[in-house]
Protein backbone atom coordinates (compact mmCIF):
# COMPACT_ATOMS: atom_id res chain seq x y z
CA MET A 1 -3.80 4.64 -13.87
CA VAL A 2 -2.34 5.24 -10.40
CA LYS A 3 -4.48 8.32 -9.83
CA ARG A 4 -7.63 6.41 -10.83
CA GLU A 5 -6.77 3.55 -8.45
CA VAL A 6 -6.14 5.94 -5.56
CA LEU A 7 -9.47 7.65 -6.22
CA GLU A 8 -11.29 4.30 -6.31
CA GLU A 9 -9.47 2.63 -3.41
CA ALA A 10 -8.82 5.56 -1.07
CA GLY A 11 -11.53 8.02 -2.10
CA CYS A 12 -9.22 10.93 -2.90
CA GLU A 13 -7.23 12.52 -5.65
CA CYS A 14 -3.45 12.50 -5.51
CA GLU A 15 -0.32 14.00 -6.96
CA ILE A 16 2.46 11.53 -7.77
CA LEU A 17 5.73 12.77 -6.28
CA HIS A 18 8.11 9.89 -7.04
CA GLU A 19 8.17 6.46 -8.58
CA LEU A 20 9.38 4.23 -5.76
CA GLY A 21 9.98 1.01 -7.63
CA THR A 22 8.66 -2.28 -8.89
CA VAL A 23 8.23 -5.52 -6.95
CA PHE A 24 8.09 -8.84 -8.75
CA GLU A 25 6.24 -11.27 -6.49
CA SER A 26 6.59 -15.00 -6.93
CA ARG A 27 4.92 -17.21 -4.36
CA ALA A 28 6.01 -20.73 -5.19
CA ALA A 29 3.64 -22.43 -2.75
CA LEU A 30 0.67 -20.84 -4.54
CA ASN A 31 2.07 -20.92 -8.10
CA PHE A 32 1.49 -17.15 -8.13
CA THR A 33 3.42 -14.38 -9.87
CA GLN A 34 2.53 -10.69 -9.91
CA ILE A 35 4.19 -7.36 -10.68
CA ARG A 36 3.45 -4.42 -8.37
CA TYR A 37 4.36 -0.79 -9.03
CA TYR A 38 4.90 1.59 -6.10
CA TYR A 39 4.74 5.37 -5.99
CA ILE A 40 4.99 8.10 -3.39
CA ALA A 41 2.02 10.43 -3.68
CA ARG A 42 0.36 13.27 -1.82
CA VAL A 43 -3.39 13.70 -1.23
CA ILE A 44 -4.94 16.61 -3.10
CA GLY A 45 -8.16 18.08 -1.76
CA GLU A 46 -10.72 16.27 0.35
CA LYS A 47 -10.74 12.62 1.36
CA ASN A 48 -14.06 11.30 0.08
CA GLU A 49 -16.06 8.10 0.50
CA LEU A 50 -14.51 4.85 -0.65
CA GLN A 51 -15.91 3.08 -3.68
CA LEU A 52 -15.94 -0.44 -2.26
CA THR A 53 -16.78 -3.70 -3.96
CA GLU A 54 -19.37 -5.94 -2.31
CA GLU A 55 -16.58 -8.14 -0.96
CA GLU A 56 -14.67 -5.17 0.47
CA PHE A 57 -17.87 -3.83 2.04
CA ALA A 58 -18.61 -7.25 3.59
CA ASP A 59 -15.03 -7.38 4.94
CA GLU A 60 -15.58 -3.92 6.50
CA THR A 61 -12.67 -2.44 4.53
CA THR A 62 -11.56 0.99 5.68
CA VAL A 63 -8.71 3.40 5.01
CA CYS A 64 -6.58 4.51 7.93
CA TRP A 65 -4.37 7.55 7.28
CA VAL A 66 -1.05 7.39 9.17
CA ARG A 67 2.51 8.60 8.65
CA LEU A 68 4.89 6.22 6.87
CA GLU A 69 6.81 5.48 10.08
CA GLU A 70 3.62 4.56 11.92
CA ALA A 71 2.48 2.35 9.04
CA LEU A 72 5.83 0.56 9.13
CA GLN A 73 5.57 0.00 12.88
CA LEU A 74 1.99 -1.28 12.62
CA ILE A 75 3.08 -3.83 10.04
CA LYS A 76 6.19 -4.83 12.00
CA ASP A 77 4.00 -5.37 15.08
CA SER A 78 1.56 -7.59 13.19
CA ASN A 79 1.78 -11.34 13.64
CA PRO A 80 0.59 -13.07 10.48
CA THR A 81 -0.23 -16.73 10.74
CA ASP A 82 -0.49 -17.99 7.18
CA TYR A 83 1.80 -18.10 4.17
CA VAL A 84 0.18 -15.25 2.22
CA GLU A 85 -0.03 -12.89 5.21
CA LYS A 86 3.64 -13.53 6.06
CA PHE A 87 4.65 -12.84 2.48
CA VAL A 88 2.61 -9.61 2.30
CA ARG A 89 4.00 -8.45 5.66
CA LEU A 90 7.60 -8.85 4.50
CA ARG A 91 6.89 -7.13 1.17
CA ASN A 92 5.21 -4.20 2.91
CA ILE A 93 8.08 -3.79 5.38
CA ILE A 94 10.56 -3.61 2.49
CA VAL A 95 8.45 -1.15 0.49
CA LEU A 96 7.70 1.15 3.44
CA THR A 97 11.34 1.16 4.52
CA GLU A 98 12.32 2.24 1.00
CA ALA A 99 9.55 4.88 0.95
CA ILE A 100 10.77 6.37 4.26
CA THR A 101 14.30 6.53 2.87
CA LYS A 102 13.13 8.16 -0.38
CA VAL A 103 10.96 10.75 1.39
CA GLY A 104 13.86 11.57 3.74
CA GLU A 105 16.13 12.19 0.74
CA THR A 106 13.70 14.67 -0.82
CA GLU A 107 12.84 16.74 2.25
């Protein structure tokens, strides 16, 4: 399932290196609960075109390939203004920090 999602969302095949963990999200203000699974993976082969939905195409969705540390800094430097964006920012900081730690342990 992860490999299929990466192919659809990022346009490339991947090799799963590690299971990073699971995040249970509960946003009380939106009466929203979701489970997210995180993995560390490596790109295999070429990076191809994205398979975007109409909404993603309209939003001008793109993929930007950066190192984990740079991704973490980009997110830390962001300044979200609404509830959902603030929640997602915090979640992504926690996940990327854990990913950097895990990758450092395996190198």
